[in-house]
């Protein structure tokens, strides 16, 4: 059994946190601690982050079970260790360089693409999605009887990172081996393979996101986060009927970006 730390054990006699302990639990204090550890690699648990990356593919429920343990021991849902973010950034950089190589981009074009993908596609879009989900979950999904609880913004960002990682591996790594020889060809098998990979990747994103919010015991009606599956499947079938090749469109967009 994992050790747990009760909030009351750090509180004063009347059950209220002391001012010093309360300051340590503010969002600003948690954010400062997280960002500070970004510059101390020896304090990061990369082995555990790799374990999480593995289980996000095989058993994502186990990853979110660990978030429960963190809440019990450290009184916060969000990660306090940036190791996962660091490894994800490395994966993103390596896979984007691979994309530049497959698309026959030059050195400076690849660097430009890398900056776009990291700061716009990953960080910028991630901040937007996390903020949107944080607002929606706190506004509409929190149980009325548990208004003392709310979804941490850091947790919403962690859920996005968890869901983004499988999508990244499928579309930015596995897909690389099929782009030039299969996917971007004008054959039916080309857009079938490519669009099927997109279906799997985005499906993973939706499912892992659902697991993240359904893991919070004070949220209700989290099943609505699975509703986009219907739209995804419909779009997939339409793309096959119309011959749309999502990967070919992505490659054209990447090339347009670095002009």
Protein backbone atom coordinates (compact mmCIF):
# COMPACT_ATOMS: atom_id res chain seq x y z
CA UNK A 1 0.00 0.00 0.00
CA UNK A 2 1.32 3.43 -0.93
CA UNK A 3 1.89 5.86 1.92
CA UNK A 4 -0.63 8.66 2.16
CA UNK A 5 -0.43 12.06 3.76
CA UNK A 6 -3.54 13.61 5.15
CA UNK A 7 -4.08 17.32 4.69
CA UNK A 8 -5.21 17.46 8.30
CA UNK A 9 -1.81 16.26 9.46
CA UNK A 10 -0.36 19.52 8.17
CA UNK A 11 -3.16 21.63 9.56
CA UNK A 12 -3.62 23.49 12.76
CA UNK A 13 -5.73 22.13 15.56
CA UNK A 14 -8.96 23.52 14.12
CA UNK A 15 -8.48 21.67 10.80
CA UNK A 16 -7.35 24.77 8.89
CA UNK A 17 -4.00 24.84 7.11
CA UNK A 18 -1.42 27.10 8.69
CA UNK A 19 -0.51 30.19 6.63
CA UNK A 20 2.86 28.67 5.72
CA UNK A 21 1.33 25.39 4.49
CA UNK A 22 -1.49 27.22 2.73
CA UNK A 23 1.05 29.30 0.81
CA UNK A 24 2.75 26.12 -0.37
CA UNK A 25 -0.54 24.88 -1.84
CA UNK A 26 -1.39 27.93 -3.93
CA UNK A 27 -1.38 27.62 -7.73
CA UNK A 28 1.48 30.11 -7.95
CA UNK A 29 3.64 28.14 -5.52
CA UNK A 30 3.00 24.88 -7.38
CA UNK A 31 3.76 26.54 -10.72
CA UNK A 32 7.01 28.02 -9.38
CA UNK A 33 8.12 24.66 -8.02
CA UNK A 34 7.32 22.95 -11.34
CA UNK A 35 9.17 25.51 -13.47
CA UNK A 36 12.15 25.56 -11.11
CA UNK A 37 12.61 21.82 -11.53
CA UNK A 38 12.88 22.28 -15.30
CA UNK A 39 16.44 23.46 -14.73
CA UNK A 40 17.41 20.63 -12.38
CA UNK A 41 17.55 17.44 -14.44
CA UNK A 42 18.87 15.39 -11.54
CA UNK A 43 15.64 16.03 -9.65
CA UNK A 44 13.49 14.65 -12.46
CA UNK A 45 12.27 11.06 -12.48
CA UNK A 46 12.76 10.15 -16.14
CA UNK A 47 12.35 6.44 -15.46
CA UNK A 48 8.86 7.00 -14.09
CA UNK A 49 8.02 9.34 -17.01
CA UNK A 50 9.04 6.59 -19.45
CA UNK A 51 6.81 4.17 -17.53
CA UNK A 52 3.90 6.57 -18.01
CA UNK A 53 4.60 6.88 -21.74
CA UNK A 54 4.56 3.11 -22.11
CA UNK A 55 1.29 2.67 -20.24
CA UNK A 56 -0.43 5.50 -22.11
CA UNK A 57 -0.47 3.01 -24.99
CA UNK A 58 -1.09 -0.24 -23.15
CA UNK A 59 -3.11 0.74 -20.07
CA UNK A 60 -3.78 4.50 -19.67
CA UNK A 61 -6.02 3.82 -16.66
CA UNK A 62 -2.90 2.91 -14.66
CA UNK A 63 -1.39 6.31 -15.44
CA UNK A 64 -4.39 8.13 -14.03
CA UNK A 65 -4.43 5.82 -11.02
CA UNK A 66 -1.05 7.31 -10.21
CA UNK A 67 -2.62 10.78 -10.28
CA UNK A 68 -4.89 9.58 -7.46
CA UNK A 69 -1.83 8.56 -5.45
CA UNK A 70 -0.29 11.98 -6.04
CA UNK A 71 -3.41 13.65 -4.71
CA UNK A 72 -3.22 11.52 -1.58
CA UNK A 73 0.47 12.07 -0.95
CA UNK A 74 1.09 15.60 -2.27
CA UNK A 75 -2.40 17.11 -2.19
CA UNK A 76 -2.45 17.97 -5.89
CA UNK A 77 -3.71 16.27 -9.03
CA UNK A 78 -1.24 17.82 -11.48
CA UNK A 79 2.30 16.59 -11.99
CA UNK A 80 4.97 18.26 -9.88
CA UNK A 81 7.77 16.70 -11.96
CA UNK A 82 8.39 18.12 -15.49
CA UNK A 83 10.21 14.95 -16.66
CA UNK A 84 7.25 13.89 -18.80
CA UNK A 85 7.14 17.29 -20.52
CA UNK A 86 10.90 17.17 -21.17
CA UNK A 87 10.73 13.69 -22.73
CA UNK A 88 7.69 14.67 -24.78
CA UNK A 89 9.60 17.70 -26.09
CA UNK A 90 12.51 15.46 -27.10
CA UNK A 91 10.12 13.09 -28.89
CA UNK A 92 8.57 16.06 -30.67
CA UNK A 93 11.93 17.45 -31.79
CA UNK A 94 13.23 14.10 -33.06
CA UNK A 95 10.03 13.23 -34.91
CA UNK A 96 9.81 16.70 -36.50
CA UNK A 97 13.40 16.40 -37.74
CA UNK A 98 12.34 13.04 -39.17
CA UNK A 99 9.43 14.73 -40.92
CA UNK A 100 11.80 17.30 -42.39
CA UNK A 101 14.04 14.52 -43.69
CA UNK A 102 11.16 12.55 -45.21
CA UNK A 103 9.80 15.70 -46.89
CA UNK A 104 13.30 16.51 -48.21
CA UNK A 105 13.55 19.85 -46.39
CA UNK A 106 16.81 21.73 -45.97
CA UNK A 107 18.46 22.46 -42.64
CA UNK A 108 16.93 25.90 -42.08
CA UNK A 109 13.52 24.74 -43.31
CA UNK A 110 13.61 21.89 -40.80
CA UNK A 111 14.57 24.27 -37.97
CA UNK A 112 11.71 26.59 -38.94
CA UNK A 113 9.29 23.65 -39.00
CA UNK A 114 10.58 22.52 -35.61
CA UNK A 115 9.90 25.94 -34.08
CA UNK A 116 6.39 26.00 -35.54
CA UNK A 117 5.55 22.51 -34.29
CA UNK A 118 6.97 22.99 -30.79
CA UNK A 119 5.76 26.49 -29.95
CA UNK A 120 2.52 26.65 -31.95
CA UNK A 121 1.21 23.10 -32.47
CA UNK A 122 2.29 21.68 -29.12
CA UNK A 123 2.63 24.53 -26.61
CA UNK A 124 0.24 27.11 -28.09
CA UNK A 125 -2.56 24.73 -29.03
CA UNK A 126 -1.96 22.77 -25.81
CA UNK A 127 -2.41 25.88 -23.66
CA UNK A 128 -5.59 26.76 -25.56
CA UNK A 129 -7.09 23.26 -25.25
CA UNK A 130 -6.11 22.93 -21.57
CA UNK A 131 -7.65 26.32 -20.74
CA UNK A 132 -10.84 25.48 -22.65
CA UNK A 133 -11.21 22.08 -20.96
CA UNK A 134 -10.38 23.61 -17.56
CA UNK A 135 -13.15 26.17 -18.03
CA UNK A 136 -15.72 23.68 -19.34
CA UNK A 137 -15.04 21.07 -16.66
CA UNK A 138 -15.22 23.59 -13.80
CA UNK A 139 -18.26 25.36 -15.28
CA UNK A 140 -20.40 22.40 -16.31
CA UNK A 141 -19.00 19.09 -15.02
CA UNK A 142 -18.36 19.70 -11.31
CA UNK A 143 -21.01 18.11 -9.08
CA UNK A 144 -23.22 20.63 -7.32
CA UNK A 145 -22.57 19.06 -3.92
CA UNK A 146 -18.81 19.31 -4.40
CA UNK A 147 -18.38 22.98 -5.19
CA UNK A 148 -15.41 23.07 -2.82
CA UNK A 149 -13.46 21.12 -5.45
CA UNK A 150 -12.26 22.30 -8.81
CA UNK A 151 -10.13 21.04 -11.68
CA UNK A 152 -6.58 22.34 -11.49
CA UNK A 153 -5.39 24.06 -14.66
CA UNK A 154 -2.13 22.12 -14.37
CA UNK A 155 -4.08 18.87 -14.35
CA UNK A 156 -5.99 19.93 -17.49
CA UNK A 157 -2.63 20.58 -19.17
CA UNK A 158 -1.33 17.19 -18.00
CA UNK A 159 -4.38 15.49 -19.50
CA UNK A 160 -3.65 17.21 -22.80
CA UNK A 161 0.00 16.09 -22.70
CA UNK A 162 -1.04 12.51 -21.89
CA UNK A 163 -3.47 12.47 -24.81
CA UNK A 164 -1.07 14.25 -27.16
CA UNK A 165 1.75 11.74 -26.69
CA UNK A 166 0.09 8.72 -28.42
CA UNK A 167 -1.12 11.04 -31.19
CA UNK A 168 2.44 12.32 -31.64
CA UNK A 169 3.95 8.83 -31.83
CA UNK A 170 1.37 7.61 -34.36
CA UNK A 171 1.32 10.63 -36.67
CA UNK A 172 4.87 11.92 -36.27
CA UNK A 173 6.79 8.67 -35.91
CA UNK A 174 4.99 5.51 -37.07
CA UNK A 175 3.51 7.32 -40.06
CA UNK A 176 6.98 8.41 -41.26
CA UNK A 177 7.79 4.87 -42.39
CA UNK A 178 4.81 4.82 -44.77
CA UNK A 179 4.60 8.37 -46.12
CA UNK A 180 6.78 8.26 -49.24
CA UNK A 181 6.08 4.68 -50.24
CA UNK A 182 2.41 4.23 -49.37
CA UNK A 183 0.45 7.13 -47.91
CA UNK A 184 1.08 10.04 -50.27
CA UNK A 185 0.60 7.91 -53.35
CA UNK A 186 -2.55 8.49 -55.37
CA UNK A 187 -3.84 4.99 -54.73
CA UNK A 188 -6.81 4.02 -52.59
CA UNK A 189 -4.55 2.11 -50.20
CA UNK A 190 -2.55 5.29 -49.66
CA UNK A 191 -5.30 7.44 -48.18
CA UNK A 192 -6.86 4.40 -46.50
CA UNK A 193 -3.67 3.70 -44.51
CA UNK A 194 -3.02 7.38 -43.82
CA UNK A 195 -6.56 8.25 -42.75
CA UNK A 196 -6.80 5.10 -40.63
CA UNK A 197 -3.69 6.22 -38.71
CA UNK A 198 -5.36 9.59 -38.18
CA UNK A 199 -8.50 7.83 -36.92
CA UNK A 200 -6.47 5.81 -34.41
CA UNK A 201 -4.40 8.80 -33.27
CA UNK A 202 -7.30 11.19 -32.71
CA UNK A 203 -9.35 8.36 -31.20
CA UNK A 204 -6.55 7.81 -28.70
CA UNK A 205 -6.56 11.53 -27.90
CA UNK A 206 -10.30 11.55 -27.22
CA UNK A 207 -10.19 8.37 -25.12
CA UNK A 208 -7.20 9.38 -22.98
CA UNK A 209 -8.78 12.80 -22.43
CA UNK A 210 -12.00 11.13 -21.29
CA UNK A 211 -10.07 8.91 -18.86
CA UNK A 212 -8.32 11.95 -17.43
CA UNK A 213 -11.50 13.77 -16.48
CA UNK A 214 -13.49 10.67 -15.52
CA UNK A 215 -10.71 9.89 -13.01
CA UNK A 216 -11.72 12.94 -10.97
CA UNK A 217 -14.36 11.81 -8.45
CA UNK A 218 -16.00 15.23 -8.18
CA UNK A 219 -16.92 15.48 -11.89
CA UNK A 220 -20.16 14.27 -13.45
CA UNK A 221 -21.33 13.41 -16.98
CA UNK A 222 -17.78 12.96 -18.25
CA UNK A 223 -19.11 10.48 -20.84
CA UNK A 224 -19.97 13.48 -23.03
CA UNK A 225 -16.25 13.78 -23.74
CA UNK A 226 -16.62 10.61 -25.83
CA UNK A 227 -19.26 12.15 -28.11
CA UNK A 228 -16.65 13.46 -30.60
CA UNK A 229 -16.03 9.81 -31.53
CA UNK A 230 -19.21 9.85 -33.60
CA UNK A 231 -18.09 12.92 -35.55
CA UNK A 232 -14.61 11.43 -35.97
CA UNK A 233 -15.92 8.19 -37.47
CA UNK A 234 -18.30 10.10 -39.73
CA UNK A 235 -15.46 12.31 -40.99
CA UNK A 236 -13.30 9.22 -41.53
CA UNK A 237 -15.96 7.54 -43.68
CA UNK A 238 -16.55 10.72 -45.68
CA UNK A 239 -12.79 11.09 -46.28
CA UNK A 240 -12.59 7.56 -47.68
CA UNK A 241 -15.61 8.13 -49.90
CA UNK A 242 -14.24 11.42 -51.22
CA UNK A 243 -10.62 10.34 -51.47
CA UNK A 244 -9.28 12.94 -49.03
CA UNK A 245 -5.75 12.22 -47.87
CA UNK A 246 -5.20 13.89 -44.50
CA UNK A 247 -1.49 13.10 -44.40
CA UNK A 248 -0.94 14.55 -47.87
CA UNK A 249 -2.72 17.70 -46.70
CA UNK A 250 -0.52 17.83 -43.60
CA UNK A 251 2.66 17.48 -45.67
CA UNK A 252 1.53 20.28 -47.99
CA UNK A 253 0.74 22.46 -44.96
CA UNK A 254 4.18 21.81 -43.44
CA UNK A 255 5.89 22.73 -46.70
CA UNK A 256 3.80 25.90 -46.98
CA UNK A 257 4.80 26.88 -43.43
CA UNK A 258 8.54 26.88 -44.12
CA UNK A 259 8.45 28.82 -47.38
